[in-house]
N, C-alpha and C. Protein backbone atom coordinates (compact mmCIF):
# COMPACT_ATOMS: atom_id res chain seq x y z
N MET A 1 32.20 107.84 32.33
CA MET A 1 33.39 107.16 31.86
C MET A 1 34.48 107.38 32.87
N MET A 2 35.30 106.35 33.05
CA MET A 2 36.41 106.40 34.03
C MET A 2 37.57 107.14 33.40
N LYS A 3 38.45 107.64 34.28
CA LYS A 3 39.66 108.36 33.82
C LYS A 3 40.66 107.51 33.09
N ASN A 4 40.52 106.21 33.20
CA ASN A 4 41.47 105.31 32.50
C ASN A 4 41.04 105.06 31.06
N GLY A 5 40.02 105.70 30.57
CA GLY A 5 39.61 105.59 29.17
C GLY A 5 38.70 104.37 28.90
N HIS A 6 38.00 103.88 29.89
CA HIS A 6 37.08 102.75 29.75
C HIS A 6 35.70 103.11 30.32
N VAL A 7 34.73 102.50 29.73
CA VAL A 7 33.34 102.60 30.27
C VAL A 7 32.89 101.20 30.74
N CYS A 8 31.98 101.18 31.66
CA CYS A 8 31.52 99.92 32.22
C CYS A 8 30.15 99.53 31.65
N LEU A 9 30.03 98.36 31.11
CA LEU A 9 28.72 97.84 30.74
C LEU A 9 28.24 97.16 32.04
N SER A 10 27.38 97.82 32.76
CA SER A 10 27.07 97.42 34.12
C SER A 10 26.41 96.02 34.20
N ILE A 11 25.63 95.67 33.17
CA ILE A 11 24.95 94.34 33.19
C ILE A 11 25.97 93.23 33.25
N ASP A 12 27.13 93.40 32.56
CA ASP A 12 28.20 92.33 32.55
C ASP A 12 29.36 92.73 33.52
N LYS A 13 29.37 93.94 34.01
CA LYS A 13 30.47 94.44 34.84
C LYS A 13 31.81 94.31 34.12
N HIS A 14 31.77 94.59 32.83
CA HIS A 14 32.95 94.51 32.00
C HIS A 14 33.24 95.88 31.45
N TYR A 15 34.57 96.22 31.22
CA TYR A 15 34.97 97.56 30.82
C TYR A 15 35.44 97.54 29.38
N TYR A 16 35.10 98.57 28.63
CA TYR A 16 35.44 98.68 27.25
C TYR A 16 36.14 100.03 27.05
N SER A 17 37.19 100.05 26.17
CA SER A 17 37.92 101.29 25.93
C SER A 17 37.21 102.22 24.94
N VAL A 18 37.51 103.48 25.12
CA VAL A 18 37.10 104.53 24.17
C VAL A 18 38.31 105.29 23.77
N PRO A 19 38.30 106.01 22.67
CA PRO A 19 39.46 106.82 22.30
C PRO A 19 39.81 107.84 23.37
N TYR A 20 41.11 108.02 23.65
CA TYR A 20 41.56 108.83 24.73
C TYR A 20 41.01 110.28 24.71
N GLY A 21 40.64 110.78 23.57
CA GLY A 21 40.12 112.12 23.46
C GLY A 21 38.73 112.31 24.10
N TYR A 22 38.10 111.21 24.42
CA TYR A 22 36.77 111.23 24.99
C TYR A 22 36.77 110.98 26.51
N ILE A 23 37.93 110.90 27.10
CA ILE A 23 38.01 110.74 28.56
C ILE A 23 37.33 111.92 29.22
N SER A 24 36.53 111.69 30.19
CA SER A 24 35.72 112.67 30.96
C SER A 24 34.51 113.20 30.23
N LYS A 25 34.19 112.69 29.06
CA LYS A 25 33.03 113.05 28.33
C LYS A 25 31.89 112.09 28.67
N LYS A 26 30.66 112.55 28.59
CA LYS A 26 29.51 111.71 28.81
C LYS A 26 29.19 110.96 27.48
N VAL A 27 29.20 109.62 27.57
CA VAL A 27 28.94 108.82 26.40
C VAL A 27 27.72 107.90 26.68
N ARG A 28 27.20 107.33 25.58
CA ARG A 28 26.09 106.41 25.69
C ARG A 28 26.58 105.04 25.18
N VAL A 29 26.21 104.00 25.95
CA VAL A 29 26.60 102.62 25.61
C VAL A 29 25.40 101.84 25.17
N LEU A 30 25.47 101.28 23.95
CA LEU A 30 24.40 100.45 23.44
C LEU A 30 24.98 99.05 23.17
N TYR A 31 24.21 98.05 23.42
CA TYR A 31 24.76 96.68 23.28
C TYR A 31 23.70 95.69 22.75
N SER A 32 24.24 94.64 22.18
CA SER A 32 23.42 93.51 21.74
C SER A 32 24.02 92.26 22.30
N LYS A 33 23.58 91.12 21.82
CA LYS A 33 24.15 89.84 22.30
C LYS A 33 25.64 89.72 21.97
N SER A 34 26.08 90.30 20.88
CA SER A 34 27.42 90.10 20.42
C SER A 34 28.31 91.44 20.33
N LYS A 35 27.68 92.58 20.39
CA LYS A 35 28.42 93.83 20.16
C LYS A 35 28.17 94.82 21.28
N VAL A 36 29.15 95.69 21.51
CA VAL A 36 29.00 96.83 22.40
C VAL A 36 29.44 98.08 21.57
N GLU A 37 28.54 99.05 21.49
CA GLU A 37 28.83 100.26 20.74
C GLU A 37 28.82 101.44 21.71
N ILE A 38 29.72 102.37 21.53
CA ILE A 38 29.83 103.54 22.40
C ILE A 38 29.68 104.82 21.53
N PHE A 39 28.76 105.66 21.92
CA PHE A 39 28.44 106.87 21.17
C PHE A 39 28.72 108.13 21.98
N TYR A 40 29.14 109.13 21.26
CA TYR A 40 29.26 110.46 21.83
C TYR A 40 28.48 111.41 20.90
N LYS A 41 27.47 112.04 21.44
CA LYS A 41 26.67 112.98 20.65
C LYS A 41 26.18 112.31 19.36
N TYR A 42 25.63 111.15 19.40
CA TYR A 42 25.07 110.39 18.28
C TYR A 42 26.07 109.88 17.28
N GLU A 43 27.35 110.05 17.55
CA GLU A 43 28.39 109.53 16.70
C GLU A 43 29.04 108.32 17.37
N ARG A 44 29.14 107.22 16.65
CA ARG A 44 29.81 106.02 17.25
C ARG A 44 31.26 106.27 17.26
N ILE A 45 31.85 106.15 18.47
CA ILE A 45 33.30 106.37 18.66
C ILE A 45 34.05 105.09 18.94
N ALA A 46 33.32 104.01 19.29
CA ALA A 46 33.95 102.74 19.57
C ALA A 46 32.99 101.59 19.38
N GLU A 47 33.58 100.46 18.95
CA GLU A 47 32.76 99.24 18.84
C GLU A 47 33.63 98.04 19.24
N HIS A 48 33.06 97.19 20.07
CA HIS A 48 33.81 96.05 20.59
C HIS A 48 32.94 94.83 20.50
N GLU A 49 33.58 93.64 20.46
CA GLU A 49 32.85 92.37 20.64
C GLU A 49 32.41 92.33 22.11
N ARG A 50 31.28 91.89 22.38
CA ARG A 50 30.81 91.82 23.77
C ARG A 50 31.48 90.68 24.47
N VAL A 51 31.97 90.96 25.69
CA VAL A 51 32.65 89.94 26.52
C VAL A 51 31.89 89.96 27.84
N ARG A 52 31.55 88.81 28.33
CA ARG A 52 30.77 88.74 29.57
C ARG A 52 31.62 88.28 30.76
N SER A 53 32.79 88.70 30.88
CA SER A 53 33.65 88.40 32.02
C SER A 53 33.74 89.59 32.94
N ALA A 54 33.22 89.40 34.17
CA ALA A 54 33.11 90.51 35.09
C ALA A 54 34.50 91.00 35.53
N HIS A 55 34.60 92.31 35.73
CA HIS A 55 35.79 92.97 36.25
C HIS A 55 37.03 92.82 35.36
N ASN A 56 36.84 92.62 34.06
CA ASN A 56 37.92 92.59 33.12
C ASN A 56 37.82 93.72 32.11
N TYR A 57 38.83 93.89 31.31
CA TYR A 57 38.85 95.03 30.40
C TYR A 57 39.07 94.51 28.94
N THR A 58 38.40 95.17 28.05
CA THR A 58 38.62 95.05 26.59
C THR A 58 39.13 96.33 26.13
N THR A 59 40.39 96.34 25.61
CA THR A 59 41.04 97.58 25.20
C THR A 59 41.55 97.49 23.77
N ASP A 60 41.14 98.47 22.97
CA ASP A 60 41.68 98.64 21.63
C ASP A 60 42.91 99.53 21.74
N PRO A 61 44.12 99.03 21.39
CA PRO A 61 45.33 99.80 21.53
C PRO A 61 45.26 101.19 20.81
N ALA A 62 44.50 101.24 19.73
CA ALA A 62 44.35 102.50 19.00
C ALA A 62 43.65 103.57 19.84
N HIS A 63 42.94 103.15 20.86
CA HIS A 63 42.22 104.10 21.71
C HIS A 63 43.12 104.79 22.74
N MET A 64 44.33 104.25 22.98
CA MET A 64 45.20 104.80 23.96
C MET A 64 46.04 105.95 23.40
N ALA A 65 46.36 106.86 24.32
CA ALA A 65 47.31 107.94 23.96
C ALA A 65 48.66 107.33 23.59
N THR A 66 49.46 108.03 22.84
CA THR A 66 50.70 107.49 22.30
C THR A 66 51.53 106.95 23.40
N GLN A 67 51.67 107.64 24.52
CA GLN A 67 52.53 107.17 25.62
C GLN A 67 52.00 105.85 26.22
N HIS A 68 50.68 105.71 26.24
CA HIS A 68 50.10 104.49 26.75
C HIS A 68 50.25 103.36 25.76
N GLN A 69 50.29 103.64 24.45
CA GLN A 69 50.49 102.62 23.47
C GLN A 69 51.89 102.00 23.63
N VAL A 70 52.87 102.83 23.94
CA VAL A 70 54.22 102.33 24.18
C VAL A 70 54.20 101.42 25.41
N LEU A 71 53.49 101.84 26.50
CA LEU A 71 53.43 101.04 27.67
C LEU A 71 52.74 99.71 27.40
N ALA A 72 51.73 99.72 26.53
CA ALA A 72 51.05 98.47 26.22
C ALA A 72 51.96 97.46 25.50
N GLU A 73 52.92 97.97 24.83
CA GLU A 73 53.85 97.09 24.08
C GLU A 73 54.88 96.49 25.05
N TRP A 74 55.02 97.10 26.23
CA TRP A 74 55.99 96.56 27.20
C TRP A 74 55.46 95.22 27.78
N ASN A 75 56.26 94.24 27.72
CA ASN A 75 55.98 92.95 28.34
C ASN A 75 57.33 92.25 28.56
N PRO A 76 57.36 91.19 29.28
CA PRO A 76 58.67 90.51 29.60
C PRO A 76 59.43 90.19 28.35
N ASP A 77 58.76 89.67 27.30
CA ASP A 77 59.49 89.30 26.04
C ASP A 77 60.10 90.52 25.39
N TYR A 78 59.45 91.68 25.48
CA TYR A 78 59.98 92.92 24.86
C TYR A 78 61.29 93.26 25.57
N PHE A 79 61.34 93.23 26.91
CA PHE A 79 62.56 93.61 27.63
C PHE A 79 63.66 92.54 27.44
N LEU A 80 63.28 91.31 27.39
CA LEU A 80 64.30 90.24 27.20
C LEU A 80 64.90 90.37 25.80
N SER A 81 64.12 90.69 24.78
CA SER A 81 64.68 90.80 23.44
C SER A 81 65.64 92.04 23.33
N GLN A 82 65.21 93.12 24.06
CA GLN A 82 66.05 94.29 24.08
C GLN A 82 67.36 93.99 24.76
N ALA A 83 67.29 93.19 25.84
CA ALA A 83 68.53 92.83 26.56
C ALA A 83 69.39 91.94 25.73
N ARG A 84 68.81 90.96 25.02
CA ARG A 84 69.59 90.05 24.20
C ARG A 84 70.31 90.79 23.08
N SER A 85 69.71 91.87 22.59
CA SER A 85 70.34 92.66 21.49
C SER A 85 71.61 93.34 22.02
N ILE A 86 71.72 93.53 23.30
CA ILE A 86 72.95 94.13 23.85
C ILE A 86 73.97 93.04 24.14
N GLY A 87 73.56 91.97 24.75
CA GLY A 87 74.47 90.86 25.06
C GLY A 87 73.75 89.86 26.01
N LYS A 88 74.20 88.63 25.98
CA LYS A 88 73.49 87.64 26.79
C LYS A 88 73.63 87.87 28.27
N GLU A 89 74.64 88.62 28.68
CA GLU A 89 74.80 88.92 30.13
C GLU A 89 73.67 89.85 30.59
N VAL A 90 73.11 90.63 29.69
CA VAL A 90 72.08 91.58 30.09
C VAL A 90 70.75 90.86 30.24
N GLU A 91 70.71 89.57 30.00
CA GLU A 91 69.51 88.80 30.33
C GLU A 91 69.32 88.73 31.83
N TYR A 92 70.18 89.37 32.52
CA TYR A 92 70.04 89.71 33.97
C TYR A 92 68.63 90.30 34.14
N ILE A 93 68.10 90.95 33.15
CA ILE A 93 66.78 91.56 33.16
C ILE A 93 65.72 90.49 33.54
N ALA A 94 65.94 89.27 33.12
CA ALA A 94 64.98 88.18 33.49
C ALA A 94 64.82 88.06 35.03
N GLN A 95 65.96 88.19 35.70
CA GLN A 95 65.89 88.05 37.18
C GLN A 95 65.23 89.31 37.79
N VAL A 96 65.41 90.47 37.19
CA VAL A 96 64.75 91.65 37.68
C VAL A 96 63.25 91.48 37.55
N LEU A 97 62.80 90.93 36.43
CA LEU A 97 61.37 90.68 36.25
C LEU A 97 60.85 89.61 37.22
N ASN A 98 61.64 88.59 37.49
CA ASN A 98 61.21 87.50 38.40
C ASN A 98 61.12 87.90 39.83
N LYS A 99 61.88 88.88 40.23
CA LYS A 99 61.94 89.33 41.65
C LYS A 99 60.62 90.03 42.06
N LYS A 100 59.82 90.49 41.14
CA LYS A 100 58.58 91.16 41.47
C LYS A 100 57.41 90.15 41.41
N PRO A 101 56.37 90.35 42.22
CA PRO A 101 55.23 89.46 42.17
C PRO A 101 54.54 89.54 40.83
N HIS A 102 54.56 90.72 40.18
CA HIS A 102 53.94 90.95 38.89
C HIS A 102 55.03 91.57 38.00
N PRO A 103 55.31 91.02 36.82
CA PRO A 103 56.39 91.56 35.96
C PRO A 103 56.21 93.04 35.68
N GLU A 104 54.94 93.51 35.57
CA GLU A 104 54.65 94.88 35.25
C GLU A 104 55.29 95.84 36.25
N GLN A 105 55.48 95.38 37.47
CA GLN A 105 56.07 96.22 38.49
C GLN A 105 57.56 96.48 38.28
N ALA A 106 58.17 95.67 37.37
CA ALA A 106 59.57 95.79 37.12
C ALA A 106 59.88 96.53 35.73
N TYR A 107 58.83 96.87 34.98
CA TYR A 107 59.07 97.44 33.68
C TYR A 107 59.87 98.74 33.69
N LYS A 108 59.57 99.57 34.64
CA LYS A 108 60.27 100.84 34.73
C LYS A 108 61.79 100.64 35.04
N SER A 109 62.05 99.66 35.94
CA SER A 109 63.44 99.34 36.30
C SER A 109 64.17 98.76 35.08
N CYS A 110 63.46 97.88 34.37
CA CYS A 110 64.06 97.25 33.14
C CYS A 110 64.42 98.32 32.13
N GLN A 111 63.46 99.26 31.93
CA GLN A 111 63.71 100.32 30.96
C GLN A 111 64.90 101.16 31.37
N GLY A 112 65.01 101.47 32.70
CA GLY A 112 66.08 102.26 33.21
C GLY A 112 67.43 101.54 33.00
N ILE A 113 67.43 100.24 33.33
CA ILE A 113 68.70 99.46 33.16
C ILE A 113 69.10 99.47 31.67
N LEU A 114 68.19 99.21 30.80
CA LEU A 114 68.53 99.14 29.37
C LEU A 114 68.98 100.53 28.88
N SER A 115 68.49 101.61 29.45
CA SER A 115 68.87 102.92 29.01
C SER A 115 70.35 103.22 29.32
N PHE A 116 70.94 102.55 30.28
CA PHE A 116 72.35 102.74 30.58
C PHE A 116 73.20 102.34 29.40
N GLY A 117 72.74 101.41 28.57
CA GLY A 117 73.48 101.04 27.41
C GLY A 117 73.77 102.22 26.47
N LYS A 118 72.74 103.12 26.35
CA LYS A 118 72.95 104.32 25.52
C LYS A 118 73.81 105.34 26.19
N ARG A 119 73.76 105.40 27.54
CA ARG A 119 74.52 106.42 28.26
C ARG A 119 75.96 106.11 28.49
N VAL A 120 76.24 104.85 28.86
CA VAL A 120 77.59 104.51 29.20
C VAL A 120 78.22 103.46 28.22
N GLY A 121 77.43 102.98 27.36
CA GLY A 121 77.92 101.97 26.36
C GLY A 121 77.52 100.55 26.77
N HIS A 122 77.42 99.71 25.81
CA HIS A 122 77.01 98.36 26.04
C HIS A 122 77.98 97.53 26.85
N GLN A 123 79.28 97.76 26.62
CA GLN A 123 80.30 96.97 27.34
C GLN A 123 80.22 97.23 28.85
N ARG A 124 80.08 98.51 29.22
CA ARG A 124 79.97 98.81 30.65
C ARG A 124 78.68 98.28 31.26
N LEU A 125 77.60 98.30 30.51
CA LEU A 125 76.34 97.75 30.98
C LEU A 125 76.49 96.24 31.17
N ILE A 126 77.08 95.55 30.28
CA ILE A 126 77.30 94.13 30.35
C ILE A 126 78.10 93.76 31.61
N LYS A 127 79.19 94.50 31.85
CA LYS A 127 79.99 94.20 32.99
C LYS A 127 79.27 94.53 34.30
N ALA A 128 78.46 95.60 34.30
CA ALA A 128 77.69 95.98 35.45
C ALA A 128 76.68 94.84 35.76
N CYS A 129 76.04 94.31 34.74
CA CYS A 129 75.08 93.25 34.95
C CYS A 129 75.76 91.97 35.49
N GLN A 130 76.95 91.69 34.98
CA GLN A 130 77.69 90.50 35.49
C GLN A 130 77.99 90.68 36.95
N ARG A 131 78.45 91.88 37.34
CA ARG A 131 78.82 92.15 38.73
C ARG A 131 77.59 92.03 39.64
N ALA A 132 76.47 92.69 39.24
CA ALA A 132 75.27 92.67 40.07
C ALA A 132 74.78 91.20 40.20
N HIS A 133 74.84 90.46 39.11
CA HIS A 133 74.40 89.06 39.14
C HIS A 133 75.32 88.24 40.09
N ALA A 134 76.59 88.48 40.09
CA ALA A 134 77.49 87.81 40.98
C ALA A 134 77.15 88.02 42.41
N TYR A 135 76.63 89.16 42.78
CA TYR A 135 76.27 89.47 44.14
C TYR A 135 74.78 89.30 44.40
N GLY A 136 74.02 88.81 43.40
CA GLY A 136 72.59 88.50 43.62
C GLY A 136 71.75 89.76 43.79
N LEU A 137 72.11 90.84 43.18
CA LEU A 137 71.40 92.13 43.26
C LEU A 137 70.64 92.31 41.97
N TYR A 138 69.32 92.31 42.04
CA TYR A 138 68.55 92.40 40.82
C TYR A 138 67.60 93.58 40.85
N HIS A 139 68.15 94.76 40.71
CA HIS A 139 67.31 95.97 40.67
C HIS A 139 68.10 97.13 40.03
N PHE A 140 67.37 98.09 39.61
CA PHE A 140 67.94 99.26 38.91
C PHE A 140 69.06 99.92 39.73
N ARG A 141 68.81 100.12 41.02
CA ARG A 141 69.74 100.87 41.90
C ARG A 141 71.09 100.15 41.92
N ALA A 142 71.11 98.83 41.87
CA ALA A 142 72.36 98.08 41.91
C ALA A 142 73.20 98.40 40.67
N ILE A 143 72.58 98.41 39.51
CA ILE A 143 73.30 98.75 38.29
C ILE A 143 73.78 100.16 38.29
N GLU A 144 72.91 101.06 38.76
CA GLU A 144 73.26 102.47 38.78
C GLU A 144 74.45 102.69 39.72
N ASP A 145 74.44 102.07 40.87
CA ASP A 145 75.56 102.21 41.82
C ASP A 145 76.85 101.68 41.26
N ILE A 146 76.78 100.50 40.65
CA ILE A 146 77.99 99.92 40.04
C ILE A 146 78.60 100.84 38.98
N LEU A 147 77.75 101.37 38.15
CA LEU A 147 78.22 102.27 37.08
C LEU A 147 78.71 103.62 37.61
N ASN A 148 78.01 104.17 38.62
CA ASN A 148 78.45 105.47 39.15
C ASN A 148 79.77 105.33 39.89
N ARG A 149 79.99 104.20 40.55
CA ARG A 149 81.25 104.00 41.26
C ARG A 149 82.38 103.48 40.39
N GLY A 150 82.05 103.15 39.17
CA GLY A 150 83.05 102.61 38.24
C GLY A 150 83.48 101.19 38.60
N LEU A 151 82.65 100.46 39.36
CA LEU A 151 82.99 99.09 39.75
C LEU A 151 83.03 98.16 38.58
N ASP A 152 82.31 98.50 37.50
CA ASP A 152 82.32 97.68 36.28
C ASP A 152 83.66 97.75 35.58
N LEU A 153 84.49 98.74 35.90
CA LEU A 153 85.79 98.88 35.25
C LEU A 153 86.87 98.03 35.94
N SER A 154 86.61 97.55 37.13
CA SER A 154 87.63 96.72 37.82
C SER A 154 87.21 95.25 37.68
N ASP A 155 88.19 94.36 37.92
CA ASP A 155 87.95 92.96 37.75
C ASP A 155 87.22 92.41 38.98
N LEU A 156 86.16 91.69 38.80
CA LEU A 156 85.37 91.14 39.88
C LEU A 156 86.14 90.14 40.71
N GLU A 157 86.98 89.31 40.10
CA GLU A 157 87.74 88.32 40.87
C GLU A 157 88.73 89.00 41.74
N GLU A 158 89.43 90.04 41.26
CA GLU A 158 90.35 90.79 42.12
C GLU A 158 89.68 91.33 43.34
N ASP A 159 88.48 91.92 43.17
CA ASP A 159 87.73 92.49 44.28
C ASP A 159 87.33 91.48 45.32
N ARG A 160 87.03 90.27 44.88
CA ARG A 160 86.64 89.18 45.80
C ARG A 160 87.80 88.72 46.64
N GLN A 161 89.00 88.90 46.17
CA GLN A 161 90.20 88.42 46.88
C GLN A 161 90.81 89.46 47.82
N LEU A 162 90.22 90.65 47.85
CA LEU A 162 90.71 91.66 48.76
C LEU A 162 90.49 91.23 50.17
N PRO A 163 91.47 91.48 51.06
CA PRO A 163 91.28 91.09 52.51
C PRO A 163 90.22 91.98 53.11
N MET A 164 89.64 91.43 54.22
CA MET A 164 88.71 92.24 55.03
C MET A 164 89.45 93.37 55.71
N PRO A 165 88.93 94.58 55.63
CA PRO A 165 89.68 95.69 56.28
C PRO A 165 89.68 95.52 57.83
N GLU A 166 90.73 96.01 58.41
CA GLU A 166 90.83 95.94 59.89
C GLU A 166 90.10 97.17 60.42
N HIS A 167 89.22 96.96 61.41
CA HIS A 167 88.49 98.05 62.02
C HIS A 167 87.90 97.52 63.34
N GLU A 168 87.84 98.41 64.36
CA GLU A 168 87.36 97.91 65.66
C GLU A 168 85.93 97.46 65.64
N ASN A 169 85.11 97.87 64.72
CA ASN A 169 83.69 97.46 64.63
C ASN A 169 83.49 96.23 63.79
N ILE A 170 84.56 95.70 63.17
CA ILE A 170 84.43 94.46 62.39
C ILE A 170 85.07 93.36 63.20
N ARG A 171 84.25 92.38 63.56
CA ARG A 171 84.68 91.32 64.49
C ARG A 171 85.59 90.27 63.81
N GLY A 172 85.32 89.99 62.55
CA GLY A 172 86.13 89.01 61.89
C GLY A 172 85.78 87.59 62.18
N LYS A 173 86.40 86.63 61.44
CA LYS A 173 86.01 85.23 61.52
C LYS A 173 86.39 84.60 62.86
N ASN A 174 87.43 85.09 63.52
CA ASN A 174 87.87 84.48 64.78
C ASN A 174 86.90 84.77 65.91
N TYR A 175 86.14 85.82 65.88
CA TYR A 175 85.16 86.16 66.88
C TYR A 175 84.10 85.08 67.12
N TYR A 176 83.74 84.44 66.03
CA TYR A 176 82.60 83.47 66.09
C TYR A 176 83.03 82.06 66.34
N GLN A 177 84.27 81.80 66.80
CA GLN A 177 84.71 80.45 67.01
C GLN A 177 84.48 80.05 68.42
């Protein structure tokens, strides 16, 4: 059995889940045309409908450890509904999900962004999302920096109208004419 809680039915090259307590245990897999049964010491611990798609997984959510069950519930709709419950501006989360080739890669960032609502309040999170969106920054670190610097507390339009600071390393618009 693999460490991810699945066994392979080699004839089909398909993987089936077993309860997490049996990870690293030696199990026996019996199958028919329609069923796959998994036994540990003559006791059936799992039963699945047989699927003949190679290199895919059949997973019973009840087989996963509690923390993995929570992860299994994470999907783009879950994060978008959480964001909508805070405010429509927090649908910024949709862009965070879209920036990754696979939405699953953004789940941790989404969870982190949403957690700011509990730490600093929904209003600050909404303003931080608006600011990050205005600058086209779609990641956890952008929201974190905005909140840590208190940029969500100042008006975005006022900040955009500030003049460029004078400095010898800043060439300015006249340099490029």
